[in-house]
PDB file of all heavy atoms in Angstrom:
ATOM      1  N   ASN A   1     100.640 106.891 118.590  1.00  0.00           N
ATOM      2  CA  ASN A   1     101.787 106.490 117.778  1.00  0.00           C
ATOM      3  C   ASN A   1     101.303 105.442 116.518  1.00  0.00           C
ATOM      4  O   ASN A   1     100.836 104.413 116.947  1.00  0.00           O
ATOM      5  CB  ASN A   1     102.957 105.691 118.676  1.00  0.00           C
ATOM      6  CG  ASN A   1     104.160 105.441 117.757  1.00  0.00           C
ATOM      7  OD1 ASN A   1     104.301 105.787 116.705  1.00  0.00           O
ATOM      8  ND2 ASN A   1     105.193 104.808 118.403  1.00  0.00           N
ATOM      9  N   PRO A   2     101.617 105.880 115.386  1.00  0.00           N
ATOM     10  CA  PRO A   2     101.218 105.043 114.216  1.00  0.00           C
ATOM     11  C   PRO A   2     102.111 103.965 113.998  1.00  0.00           C
ATOM     12  O   PRO A   2     101.768 102.993 113.188  1.00  0.00           O
ATOM     13  CB  PRO A   2     101.286 106.015 113.117  1.00  0.00           C
ATOM     14  CG  PRO A   2     102.328 107.106 113.327  1.00  0.00           C
ATOM     15  CD  PRO A   2     102.049 107.207 115.020  1.00  0.00           C
ATOM     16  N   GLY A   3     103.299 103.767 114.603  1.00  0.00           N
ATOM     17  CA  GLY A   3     104.147 102.704 114.376  1.00  0.00           C
ATOM     18  C   GLY A   3     105.350 103.060 113.544  1.00  0.00           C
ATOM     19  O   GLY A   3     105.487 104.303 113.185  1.00  0.00           O
ATOM     20  N   LYS A   4     106.293 102.250 113.312  1.00  0.00           N
ATOM     21  CA  LYS A   4     107.465 102.523 112.719  1.00  0.00           C
ATOM     22  C   LYS A   4     107.236 102.781 111.167  1.00  0.00           C
ATOM     23  O   LYS A   4     106.356 102.224 110.599  1.00  0.00           O
ATOM     24  CB  LYS A   4     108.565 101.347 112.922  1.00  0.00           C
ATOM     25  CG  LYS A   4     108.104  99.980 112.535  1.00  0.00           C
ATOM     26  CD  LYS A   4     109.139  99.028 112.826  1.00  0.00           C
ATOM     27  CE  LYS A   4     108.715  97.589 112.657  1.00  0.00           C
ATOM     28  NZ  LYS A   4     109.612  96.495 113.241  1.00  0.00           N
ATOM     29  N   ASN A   5     108.211 103.609 110.720  1.00  0.00           N
ATOM     30  CA  ASN A   5     108.141 104.007 109.298  1.00  0.00           C
ATOM     31  C   ASN A   5     106.957 104.453 108.686  1.00  0.00           C
ATOM     32  O   ASN A   5     106.345 104.188 107.672  1.00  0.00           O
ATOM     33  CB  ASN A   5     108.618 102.776 108.447  1.00  0.00           C
ATOM     34  CG  ASN A   5     109.937 102.321 108.614  1.00  0.00           C
ATOM     35  OD1 ASN A   5     110.893 103.161 108.892  1.00  0.00           O
ATOM     36  ND2 ASN A   5     110.319 101.053 108.423  1.00  0.00           N
ATOM     37  N   ALA A   6     106.292 105.321 109.595  1.00  0.00           N
ATOM     38  CA  ALA A   6     104.912 105.925 109.139  1.00  0.00           C
ATOM     39  C   ALA A   6     105.180 107.082 108.252  1.00  0.00           C
ATOM     40  O   ALA A   6     106.362 107.782 108.274  1.00  0.00           O
ATOM     41  CB  ALA A   6     104.256 106.387 110.412  1.00  0.00           C
ATOM     42  N   ILE A   7     104.168 107.524 107.549  1.00  0.00           N
ATOM     43  CA  ILE A   7     104.357 108.780 106.689  1.00  0.00           C
ATOM     44  C   ILE A   7     103.733 109.906 107.510  1.00  0.00           C
ATOM     45  O   ILE A   7     102.598 109.854 108.052  1.00  0.00           O
ATOM     46  CB  ILE A   7     103.506 108.522 105.363  1.00  0.00           C
ATOM     47  CG1 ILE A   7     104.032 107.534 104.502  1.00  0.00           C
ATOM     48  CG2 ILE A   7     103.283 109.885 104.603  1.00  0.00           C
ATOM     49  CD1 ILE A   7     103.187 107.119 103.206  1.00  0.00           C
ATOM     50  N   PHE A   8     104.618 110.906 107.702  1.00  0.00           N
ATOM     51  CA  PHE A   8     104.270 112.127 108.475  1.00  0.00           C
ATOM     52  C   PHE A   8     104.097 113.305 107.623  1.00  0.00           C
ATOM     53  O   PHE A   8     104.474 113.339 106.491  1.00  0.00           O
ATOM     54  CB  PHE A   8     105.388 112.322 109.485  1.00  0.00           C
ATOM     55  CG  PHE A   8     105.443 111.294 110.615  1.00  0.00           C
ATOM     56  CD1 PHE A   8     106.421 110.336 110.676  1.00  0.00           C
ATOM     57  CD2 PHE A   8     104.510 111.341 111.727  1.00  0.00           C
ATOM     58  CE1 PHE A   8     106.438 109.387 111.627  1.00  0.00           C
ATOM     59  CE2 PHE A   8     104.618 110.301 112.609  1.00  0.00           C
ATOM     60  CZ  PHE A   8     105.512 109.498 112.593  1.00  0.00           C
ATOM     61  N   MET A   9     103.371 114.322 108.224  1.00  0.00           N
ATOM     62  CA  MET A   9     102.951 115.494 107.495  1.00  0.00           C
ATOM     63  C   MET A   9     104.207 116.311 106.953  1.00  0.00           C
ATOM     64  O   MET A   9     104.068 116.930 105.873  1.00  0.00           O
ATOM     65  CB  MET A   9     102.122 116.482 108.419  1.00  0.00           C
ATOM     66  CG  MET A   9     100.784 115.834 108.788  1.00  0.00           C
ATOM     67  SD  MET A   9      99.614 115.731 107.436  1.00  0.00           S
ATOM     68  CE  MET A   9      99.436 117.432 107.149  1.00  0.00           C
ATOM     69  N   GLN A  10     105.315 116.269 107.620  1.00  0.00           N
ATOM     70  CA  GLN A  10     106.419 117.132 107.234  1.00  0.00           C
ATOM     71  C   GLN A  10     107.147 116.377 106.020  1.00  0.00           C
ATOM     72  O   GLN A  10     108.118 117.169 105.432  1.00  0.00           O
ATOM     73  CB  GLN A  10     107.335 117.346 108.236  1.00  0.00           C
ATOM     74  CG  GLN A  10     108.151 116.156 108.872  1.00  0.00           C
ATOM     75  CD  GLN A  10     107.450 115.481 109.993  1.00  0.00           C
ATOM     76  OE1 GLN A  10     106.183 115.627 110.085  1.00  0.00           O
ATOM     77  NE2 GLN A  10     108.118 114.745 110.811  1.00  0.00           N
ATOM     78  N   TYR A  11     106.847 115.172 105.623  1.00  0.00           N
ATOM     79  CA  TYR A  11     107.648 114.559 104.630  1.00  0.00           C
ATOM     80  C   TYR A  11     107.293 115.057 103.171  1.00  0.00           C
ATOM     81  O   TYR A  11     106.252 115.386 102.922  1.00  0.00           O
ATOM     82  CB  TYR A  11     107.170 112.924 104.441  1.00  0.00           C
ATOM     83  CG  TYR A  11     107.895 112.182 105.608  1.00  0.00           C
ATOM     84  CD1 TYR A  11     107.532 110.852 105.752  1.00  0.00           C
ATOM     85  CD2 TYR A  11     108.685 112.682 106.638  1.00  0.00           C
ATOM     86  CE1 TYR A  11     108.029 110.091 106.793  1.00  0.00           C
ATOM     87  CE2 TYR A  11     109.246 112.058 107.610  1.00  0.00           C
ATOM     88  CZ  TYR A  11     108.826 110.632 107.692  1.00  0.00           C
ATOM     89  OH  TYR A  11     109.385 109.952 108.681  1.00  0.00           O
ATOM     90  N   ASP A  12     108.470 115.240 102.401  1.00  0.00           N
ATOM     91  CA  ASP A  12     108.205 115.746 101.142  1.00  0.00           C
ATOM     92  C   ASP A  12     107.921 114.572 100.057  1.00  0.00           C
ATOM     93  O   ASP A  12     107.925 113.395 100.445  1.00  0.00           O
ATOM     94  CB  ASP A  12     109.453 116.595 100.585  1.00  0.00           C
ATOM     95  CG  ASP A  12     110.762 115.791 100.656  1.00  0.00           C
ATOM     96  OD1 ASP A  12     110.712 114.599 100.680  1.00  0.00           O
ATOM     97  OD2 ASP A  12     111.845 116.317 100.695  1.00  0.00           O
ATOM     98  N   GLU A  13     107.700 115.006  98.832  1.00  0.00           N
ATOM     99  CA  GLU A  13     107.377 113.862  97.906  1.00  0.00           C
ATOM    100  C   GLU A  13     108.382 112.792  97.771  1.00  0.00           C
ATOM    101  O   GLU A  13     108.076 111.645  97.543  1.00  0.00           O
ATOM    102  CB  GLU A  13     107.031 114.596  96.455  1.00  0.00           C
ATOM    103  CG  GLU A  13     106.429 113.602  95.498  1.00  0.00           C
ATOM    104  CD  GLU A  13     106.076 114.171  94.242  1.00  0.00           C
ATOM    105  OE1 GLU A  13     105.851 115.473  94.184  1.00  0.00           O
ATOM    106  OE2 GLU A  13     105.733 113.485  93.283  1.00  0.00           O
ATOM    107  N   GLY A  14     109.769 113.331  97.683  1.00  0.00           N
ATOM    108  CA  GLY A  14     110.826 112.395  97.665  1.00  0.00           C
ATOM    109  C   GLY A  14     110.955 111.273  98.756  1.00  0.00           C
ATOM    110  O   GLY A  14     111.153 110.181  98.491  1.00  0.00           O
ATOM    111  N   THR A  15     110.667 111.841  99.809  1.00  0.00           N
ATOM    112  CA  THR A  15     110.800 110.932 101.123  1.00  0.00           C
ATOM    113  C   THR A  15     109.580 109.883 101.155  1.00  0.00           C
ATOM    114  O   THR A  15     109.709 108.705 101.277  1.00  0.00           O
ATOM    115  CB  THR A  15     110.639 111.738 102.441  1.00  0.00           C
ATOM    116  OG1 THR A  15     111.731 112.711 102.370  1.00  0.00           O
ATOM    117  CG2 THR A  15     110.770 110.838 103.643  1.00  0.00           C
ATOM    118  N   ILE A  16     108.437 110.284 100.803  1.00  0.00           N
ATOM    119  CA  ILE A  16     107.255 109.498 100.638  1.00  0.00           C
ATOM    120  C   ILE A  16     107.396 108.448  99.556  1.00  0.00           C
ATOM    121  O   ILE A  16     107.261 107.250  99.827  1.00  0.00           O
ATOM    122  CB  ILE A  16     106.024 110.316 100.390  1.00  0.00           C
ATOM    123  CG1 ILE A  16     105.703 111.193 101.584  1.00  0.00           C
ATOM    124  CG2 ILE A  16     104.744 109.383 100.095  1.00  0.00           C
ATOM    125  CD1 ILE A  16     104.538 112.211 101.319  1.00  0.00           C
ATOM    126  N   ASP A  17     107.939 108.810  98.605  1.00  0.00           N
ATOM    127  CA  ASP A  17     108.186 107.923  97.353  1.00  0.00           C
ATOM    128  C   ASP A  17     109.291 106.940  97.665  1.00  0.00           C
ATOM    129  O   ASP A  17     109.113 105.656  97.455  1.00  0.00           O
ATOM    130  CB  ASP A  17     108.768 108.765  96.097  1.00  0.00           C
ATOM    131  CG  ASP A  17     109.011 107.863  94.953  1.00  0.00           C
ATOM    132  OD1 ASP A  17     108.101 107.222  94.332  1.00  0.00           O
ATOM    133  OD2 ASP A  17     110.202 107.610  94.525  1.00  0.00           O
ATOM    134  N   LYS A  18     110.286 107.260  98.396  1.00  0.00           N
ATOM    135  CA  LYS A  18     111.348 106.385  98.890  1.00  0.00           C
ATOM    136  C   LYS A  18     110.808 105.323  99.796  1.00  0.00           C
ATOM    137  O   LYS A  18     110.983 104.145  99.764  1.00  0.00           O
ATOM    138  CB  LYS A  18     112.526 107.126  99.441  1.00  0.00           C
ATOM    139  CG  LYS A  18     113.657 106.272  99.861  1.00  0.00           C
ATOM    140  CD  LYS A  18     114.765 107.104 100.386  1.00  0.00           C
ATOM    141  CE  LYS A  18     115.979 106.280 100.829  1.00  0.00           C
ATOM    142  NZ  LYS A  18     117.202 107.134 101.307  1.00  0.00           N
ATOM    143  N   LEU A  19     110.038 105.843 100.776  1.00  0.00           N
ATOM    144  CA  LEU A  19     109.453 104.908 101.866  1.00  0.00           C
ATOM    145  C   LEU A  19     108.404 103.879 101.189  1.00  0.00           C
ATOM    146  O   LEU A  19     108.388 102.791 101.509  1.00  0.00           O
ATOM    147  CB  LEU A  19     108.682 105.759 102.815  1.00  0.00           C
ATOM    148  CG  LEU A  19     108.275 105.192 104.138  1.00  0.00           C
ATOM    149  CD1 LEU A  19     109.388 104.591 104.852  1.00  0.00           C
ATOM    150  CD2 LEU A  19     107.566 106.098 105.128  1.00  0.00           C
ATOM    151  N   LEU A  20     107.539 104.354 100.317  1.00  0.00           N
ATOM    152  CA  LEU A  20     106.539 103.475  99.691  1.00  0.00           C
ATOM    153  C   LEU A  20     107.239 102.479  98.862  1.00  0.00           C
ATOM    154  O   LEU A  20     106.868 101.223  98.679  1.00  0.00           O
ATOM    155  CB  LEU A  20     105.549 104.243  98.939  1.00  0.00           C
ATOM    156  CG  LEU A  20     104.501 105.009  99.759  1.00  0.00           C
ATOM    157  CD1 LEU A  20     103.636 105.984  98.771  1.00  0.00           C
ATOM    158  CD2 LEU A  20     103.640 104.045 100.543  1.00  0.00           C
ATOM    159  N   ASN A  21     108.239 102.923  98.078  1.00  0.00           N
ATOM    160  CA  ASN A  21     108.983 101.940  97.207  1.00  0.00           C
ATOM    161  C   ASN A  21     109.648 100.884  97.993  1.00  0.00           C
ATOM    162  O   ASN A  21     109.786  99.662  97.608  1.00  0.00           O
ATOM    163  CB  ASN A  21     110.027 102.635  96.423  1.00  0.00           C
ATOM    164  CG  ASN A  21     109.543 103.362  95.155  1.00  0.00           C
ATOM    165  OD1 ASN A  21     108.872 102.704  94.326  1.00  0.00           O
ATOM    166  ND2 ASN A  21     109.765 104.520  94.920  1.00  0.00           N
ATOM    167  N   HIS A  22     110.097 101.247  99.195  1.00  0.00           N
ATOM    168  CA  HIS A  22     110.765 100.241 100.131  1.00  0.00           C
ATOM    169  C   HIS A  22     109.696  99.261 100.572  1.00  0.00           C
ATOM    170  O   HIS A  22     109.964  97.967 100.535  1.00  0.00           O
ATOM    171  CB  HIS A  22     111.240 100.989 101.405  1.00  0.00           C
ATOM    172  CG  HIS A  22     111.632 100.072 102.623  1.00  0.00           C
ATOM    173  ND1 HIS A  22     112.598  99.162 102.528  1.00  0.00           N
ATOM    174  CD2 HIS A  22     110.966  99.941 103.718  1.00  0.00           C
ATOM    175  CE1 HIS A  22     112.530  98.498 103.674  1.00  0.00           C
ATOM    176  NE2 HIS A  22     111.517  98.902 104.487  1.00  0.00           N
ATOM    177  N   PHE A  23     108.419  99.667 100.870  1.00  0.00           N
ATOM    178  CA  PHE A  23     107.315  98.730 101.259  1.00  0.00           C
ATOM    179  C   PHE A  23     106.929  97.785 100.074  1.00  0.00           C
ATOM    180  O   PHE A  23     106.756  96.610 100.202  1.00  0.00           O
ATOM    181  CB  PHE A  23     106.090  99.508 101.731  1.00  0.00           C
ATOM    182  CG  PHE A  23     106.173 100.407 102.890  1.00  0.00           C
ATOM    183  CD1 PHE A  23     105.432 101.474 103.179  1.00  0.00           C
ATOM    184  CD2 PHE A  23     107.318 100.110 103.852  1.00  0.00           C
ATOM    185  CE1 PHE A  23     105.640 102.202 104.288  1.00  0.00           C
ATOM    186  CE2 PHE A  23     107.507 100.811 105.018  1.00  0.00           C
ATOM    187  CZ  PHE A  23     106.573 101.937 105.235  1.00  0.00           C
ATOM    188  N   ILE A  24     106.876  98.431  98.897  1.00  0.00           N
ATOM    189  CA  ILE A  24     106.490  97.654  97.725  1.00  0.00           C
ATOM    190  C   ILE A  24     107.529  96.652  97.305  1.00  0.00           C
ATOM    191  O   ILE A  24     107.006  95.445  96.992  1.00  0.00           O
ATOM    192  CB  ILE A  24     106.174  98.621  96.523  1.00  0.00           C
ATOM    193  CG1 ILE A  24     105.009  99.488  96.851  1.00  0.00           C
ATOM    194  CG2 ILE A  24     105.961  97.808  95.211  1.00  0.00           C
ATOM    195  CD1 ILE A  24     104.785 100.693  95.974  1.00  0.00           C
ATOM    196  N   LYS A  25     108.746  97.092  97.547  1.00  0.00           N
ATOM    197  CA  LYS A  25     109.828  95.959  97.174  1.00  0.00           C
ATOM    198  C   LYS A  25     109.774  94.915  98.297  1.00  0.00           C
ATOM    199  O   LYS A  25     110.082  93.621  97.833  1.00  0.00           O
ATOM    200  CB  LYS A  25     111.151  96.604  97.184  1.00  0.00           C
ATOM    201  CG  LYS A  25     112.354  95.937  96.777  1.00  0.00           C
ATOM    202  CD  LYS A  25     113.578  96.610  96.780  1.00  0.00           C
ATOM    203  CE  LYS A  25     114.802  95.755  96.336  1.00  0.00           C
ATOM    204  NZ  LYS A  25     116.060  96.516  96.364  1.00  0.00           N
ATOM    205  N   GLN A  26     109.468  95.195  99.351  1.00  0.00           N
ATOM    206  CA  GLN A  26     109.422  94.043 100.440  1.00  0.00           C
ATOM    207  C   GLN A  26     108.137  93.232 100.265  1.00  0.00           C
ATOM    208  O   GLN A  26     108.275  92.076 100.558  1.00  0.00           O
ATOM    209  CB  GLN A  26     109.448  94.823 101.866  1.00  0.00           C
ATOM    210  CG  GLN A  26     109.464  93.831 103.032  1.00  0.00           C
ATOM    211  CD  GLN A  26     109.242  94.547 104.282  1.00  0.00           C
ATOM    212  OE1 GLN A  26     108.483  94.126 105.247  1.00  0.00           O
ATOM    213  NE2 GLN A  26     109.707  95.690 104.409  1.00  0.00           N
ATOM    214  N   LEU A  27     107.085  93.793  99.853  1.00  0.00           N
ATOM    215  CA  LEU A  27     105.746  93.022  99.666  1.00  0.00           C
ATOM    216  C   LEU A  27     105.370  93.106  98.312  1.00  0.00           C
ATOM    217  O   LEU A  27     104.291  93.727  98.036  1.00  0.00           O
ATOM    218  CB  LEU A  27     104.736  93.498 100.666  1.00  0.00           C
ATOM    219  CG  LEU A  27     105.200  93.421 102.216  1.00  0.00           C
ATOM    220  CD1 LEU A  27     104.163  94.180 103.004  1.00  0.00           C
ATOM    221  CD2 LEU A  27     105.310  92.080 102.600  1.00  0.00           C
ATOM    222  N   PRO A  28     106.015  92.456  97.319  1.00  0.00           N
ATOM    223  CA  PRO A  28     105.700  92.735  95.962  1.00  0.00           C
ATOM    224  C   PRO A  28     104.308  92.110  95.411  1.00  0.00           C
ATOM    225  O   PRO A  28     103.824  92.454  94.335  1.00  0.00           O
ATOM    226  CB  PRO A  28     106.954  92.028  95.219  1.00  0.00           C
ATOM    227  CG  PRO A  28     107.342  90.933  96.137  1.00  0.00           C
ATOM    228  CD  PRO A  28     107.179  91.536  97.456  1.00  0.00           C
ATOM    229  N   ASP A  29     103.731  91.102  96.235  1.00  0.00           N
ATOM    230  CA  ASP A  29     102.550  90.447  95.792  1.00  0.00           C
ATOM    231  C   ASP A  29     101.303  91.286  96.059  1.00  0.00           C
ATOM    232  O   ASP A  29     100.182  91.003  95.566  1.00  0.00           O
ATOM    233  CB  ASP A  29     102.356  89.055  96.388  1.00  0.00           C
ATOM    234  CG  ASP A  29     103.546  88.195  95.945  1.00  0.00           C
ATOM    235  OD1 ASP A  29     104.136  88.349  94.854  1.00  0.00           O
ATOM    236  OD2 ASP A  29     103.654  87.109  96.668  1.00  0.00           O
ATOM    237  N   CYS A  30     101.377  92.295  96.831  1.00  0.00           N
ATOM    238  CA  CYS A  30     100.406  93.158  97.411  1.00  0.00           C
ATOM    239  C   CYS A  30      99.863  94.032  96.158  1.00  0.00           C
ATOM    240  O   CYS A  30     100.635  94.597  95.413  1.00  0.00           O
ATOM    241  CB  CYS A  30     100.740  94.008  98.518  1.00  0.00           C
ATOM    242  SG  CYS A  30     101.086  93.181  99.976  1.00  0.00           S
ATOM    243  N   LYS A  31      98.498  94.053  96.034  1.00  0.00           N
ATOM    244  CA  LYS A  31      98.011  94.783  94.832  1.00  0.00           C
ATOM    245  C   LYS A  31      97.738  96.215  95.079  1.00  0.00           C
ATOM    246  O   LYS A  31      97.459  97.057  94.248  1.00  0.00           O
ATOM    247  CB  LYS A  31      96.662  94.105  94.461  1.00  0.00           C
ATOM    248  CG  LYS A  31      96.909  92.681  93.687  1.00  0.00           C
ATOM    249  CD  LYS A  31      95.587  92.275  93.197  1.00  0.00           C
ATOM    250  CE  LYS A  31      95.802  90.792  92.521  1.00  0.00           C
ATOM    251  NZ  LYS A  31      94.540  90.297  91.915  1.00  0.00           N
ATOM    252  N   GLY A  32      97.633  96.639  96.291  1.00  0.00           N
ATOM    253  CA  GLY A  32      97.384  98.000  96.638  1.00  0.00           C
ATOM    254  C   GLY A  32      97.743  98.318  98.141  1.00  0.00           C
ATOM    255  O   GLY A  32      98.546  97.568  98.681  1.00  0.00           O
ATOM    256  N   ILE A  33      97.378  99.557  98.544  1.00  0.00           N
ATOM    257  CA  ILE A  33      97.520  99.914  99.908  1.00  0.00           C
ATOM    258  C   ILE A  33      96.299 100.412 100.665  1.00  0.00           C
ATOM    259  O   ILE A  33      95.426 100.788 100.010  1.00  0.00           O
ATOM    260  CB  ILE A  33      98.745 100.930 100.124  1.00  0.00           C
ATOM    261  CG1 ILE A  33      98.293 102.272  99.687  1.00  0.00           C
ATOM    262  CG2 ILE A  33      99.827 100.546  99.324  1.00  0.00           C
ATOM    263  CD1 ILE A  33      99.122 103.423 100.143  1.00  0.00           C
ATOM    264  N   ASN A  34      96.274 100.374 101.912  1.00  0.00           N
ATOM    265  CA  ASN A  34      95.449 101.231 102.720  1.00  0.00           C
ATOM    266  C   ASN A  34      95.981 101.926 103.972  1.00  0.00           C
ATOM    267  O   ASN A  34      97.152 101.406 104.216  1.00  0.00           O
ATOM    268  CB  ASN A  34      94.163 100.414 103.201  1.00  0.00           C
ATOM    269  CG  ASN A  34      94.538  99.367 104.195  1.00  0.00           C
ATOM    270  OD1 ASN A  34      95.589  98.984 104.427  1.00  0.00           O
ATOM    271  ND2 ASN A  34      93.455  99.120 105.181  1.00  0.00           N
TER     272      ASN A  34
END
């Protein structure tokens, strides 16, 4: 289990964009992702 709010293979571009935007809004000082 990768944990909550993970990006899964069946997700389309809109779902991925929405999820990442949620993360970025929550942690705005972060410069990138891994």
